[in-house]
N, C-alpha and C. Protein backbone atom coordinates (compact mmCIF):
# COMPACT_ATOMS: atom_id res chain seq x y z
N MET A 1 0.82 -1.19 0.00
CA MET A 1 0.00 0.00 0.00
C MET A 1 0.87 1.27 0.00
N LYS A 2 1.98 1.20 0.76
CA LYS A 2 2.89 2.36 0.81
C LYS A 2 3.47 2.65 -0.56
N ASN A 3 3.83 1.60 -1.28
CA ASN A 3 4.42 1.78 -2.61
C ASN A 3 3.43 2.44 -3.56
N ALA A 4 2.18 2.07 -3.48
CA ALA A 4 1.16 2.65 -4.35
C ALA A 4 0.99 4.14 -4.06
N ILE A 5 1.01 4.51 -2.80
CA ILE A 5 0.88 5.93 -2.42
C ILE A 5 2.09 6.72 -2.92
N ILE A 6 3.26 6.15 -2.79
CA ILE A 6 4.47 6.83 -3.26
C ILE A 6 4.44 7.00 -4.78
N VAL A 7 4.01 5.98 -5.50
CA VAL A 7 3.92 6.06 -6.96
C VAL A 7 2.91 7.12 -7.37
N VAL A 8 1.77 7.17 -6.71
CA VAL A 8 0.75 8.17 -7.04
C VAL A 8 1.27 9.58 -6.76
N LEU A 9 1.96 9.78 -5.66
CA LEU A 9 2.52 11.10 -5.35
C LEU A 9 3.58 11.51 -6.37
N LEU A 10 4.41 10.59 -6.80
CA LEU A 10 5.41 10.89 -7.82
C LEU A 10 4.76 11.25 -9.15
N ILE A 11 3.73 10.52 -9.52
CA ILE A 11 3.01 10.82 -10.77
C ILE A 11 2.37 12.20 -10.69
N LEU A 12 1.78 12.52 -9.56
CA LEU A 12 1.17 13.85 -9.39
C LEU A 12 2.22 14.96 -9.45
N ALA A 13 3.37 14.74 -8.85
CA ALA A 13 4.43 15.75 -8.87
C ALA A 13 4.95 15.98 -10.28
N VAL A 14 5.21 14.91 -11.01
CA VAL A 14 5.71 15.03 -12.39
C VAL A 14 4.64 15.64 -13.28
N GLY A 15 3.40 15.23 -13.10
CA GLY A 15 2.30 15.79 -13.87
C GLY A 15 2.11 17.27 -13.60
N GLY A 16 2.23 17.66 -12.34
CA GLY A 16 2.13 19.08 -12.00
C GLY A 16 3.24 19.91 -12.61
N ALA A 17 4.44 19.37 -12.61
CA ALA A 17 5.57 20.08 -13.21
C ALA A 17 5.37 20.23 -14.72
N CYS A 18 4.90 19.19 -15.37
CA CYS A 18 4.63 19.26 -16.81
C CYS A 18 3.52 20.25 -17.12
N ALA A 19 2.48 20.27 -16.31
CA ALA A 19 1.39 21.22 -16.51
C ALA A 19 1.88 22.65 -16.33
N TYR A 20 2.74 22.89 -15.36
CA TYR A 20 3.30 24.23 -15.13
C TYR A 20 4.12 24.69 -16.34
N ILE A 21 4.94 23.80 -16.86
CA ILE A 21 5.77 24.14 -18.02
C ILE A 21 4.89 24.42 -19.23
N CYS A 22 3.87 23.60 -19.45
CA CYS A 22 2.98 23.82 -20.59
C CYS A 22 2.25 25.15 -20.48
N ARG A 23 1.77 25.49 -19.28
CA ARG A 23 1.07 26.78 -19.09
C ARG A 23 2.00 27.95 -19.35
N LYS A 24 3.24 27.87 -18.86
CA LYS A 24 4.20 28.95 -19.06
C LYS A 24 4.54 29.11 -20.53
N LYS A 25 4.72 28.00 -21.24
CA LYS A 25 5.05 28.05 -22.67
C LYS A 25 3.89 28.65 -23.46
N LYS A 26 2.65 28.30 -23.12
CA LYS A 26 1.50 28.86 -23.82
C LYS A 26 1.34 30.34 -23.53
N ALA A 27 1.81 30.79 -22.37
CA ALA A 27 1.73 32.20 -22.00
C ALA A 27 2.82 33.02 -22.68
N GLY A 28 3.75 32.36 -23.36
CA GLY A 28 4.77 33.07 -24.11
C GLY A 28 6.13 33.12 -23.45
N ALA A 29 6.34 32.38 -22.41
CA ALA A 29 7.64 32.36 -21.75
C ALA A 29 8.64 31.59 -22.61
N LYS A 30 9.77 32.21 -22.90
CA LYS A 30 10.78 31.55 -23.71
C LYS A 30 11.73 30.74 -22.85
N CYS A 31 11.99 31.22 -21.66
CA CYS A 31 12.96 30.60 -20.78
C CYS A 31 12.34 30.52 -19.38
N ILE A 32 11.78 29.40 -19.05
CA ILE A 32 11.07 29.25 -17.78
C ILE A 32 12.06 29.28 -16.63
N GLY A 33 11.78 30.08 -15.64
CA GLY A 33 12.64 30.22 -14.48
C GLY A 33 13.55 31.41 -14.56
N CYS A 34 13.70 31.98 -15.73
CA CYS A 34 14.53 33.16 -15.91
C CYS A 34 13.72 34.39 -15.50
N PRO A 35 14.33 35.35 -14.81
CA PRO A 35 13.56 36.53 -14.40
C PRO A 35 13.13 37.39 -15.59
N TYR A 36 13.72 37.19 -16.75
CA TYR A 36 13.37 37.96 -17.95
C TYR A 36 12.62 37.10 -18.96
N GLU A 37 11.84 36.14 -18.48
CA GLU A 37 11.23 35.15 -19.37
C GLU A 37 10.25 35.75 -20.38
N LYS A 38 9.59 36.85 -20.04
CA LYS A 38 8.61 37.42 -20.97
C LYS A 38 9.19 38.56 -21.80
N THR A 39 10.37 39.02 -21.46
CA THR A 39 10.99 40.10 -22.21
C THR A 39 12.16 39.53 -22.99
N SER A 40 13.14 40.31 -23.24
CA SER A 40 14.28 39.85 -24.02
C SER A 40 15.22 39.03 -23.14
N CYS A 41 15.07 37.75 -23.19
CA CYS A 41 15.89 36.82 -22.41
C CYS A 41 17.19 36.56 -23.15
N CYS A 42 18.31 36.62 -22.46
CA CYS A 42 19.60 36.39 -23.11
C CYS A 42 20.20 35.04 -22.71
N CYS A 43 19.43 34.15 -22.17
CA CYS A 43 19.95 32.86 -21.72
C CYS A 43 20.45 32.00 -22.87
N HIS A 44 19.79 32.07 -24.00
CA HIS A 44 20.12 31.18 -25.10
C HIS A 44 20.68 31.92 -26.31
N MET A 45 21.19 33.11 -26.09
CA MET A 45 21.77 33.85 -27.20
C MET A 45 23.13 33.25 -27.56
N GLU A 46 23.47 33.31 -28.81
CA GLU A 46 24.74 32.75 -29.25
C GLU A 46 25.92 33.68 -28.99
N ASP A 47 25.65 34.93 -28.71
CA ASP A 47 26.70 35.89 -28.45
C ASP A 47 27.21 35.68 -27.03
N ASP A 48 28.41 35.16 -26.89
CA ASP A 48 28.97 34.83 -25.58
C ASP A 48 29.31 36.05 -24.76
N GLU A 49 29.48 37.19 -25.37
CA GLU A 49 29.87 38.38 -24.61
C GLU A 49 28.79 38.80 -23.63
N ILE A 50 27.55 38.54 -23.94
CA ILE A 50 26.46 38.90 -23.03
C ILE A 50 26.52 38.03 -21.79
N ASN A 51 26.85 36.76 -21.94
CA ASN A 51 26.83 35.81 -20.85
C ASN A 51 28.11 35.79 -20.01
N ARG A 52 29.14 36.48 -20.44
CA ARG A 52 30.41 36.48 -19.69
C ARG A 52 30.29 37.31 -18.43
N THR A 53 30.93 36.84 -17.40
CA THR A 53 30.90 37.60 -16.13
C THR A 53 32.29 38.05 -15.75
């Protein structure tokens, strides 16, 4: 019984994460988790000079 509860909780957690990602993508977020996700996000730009610290 414990194993079944653990499996159900894991499925719910993964399903919730997938639903969150799908909602964010439909809302126009290019880079989920980035503070600039709805504006000009530079996370995936090919110009390395922007990403250098």
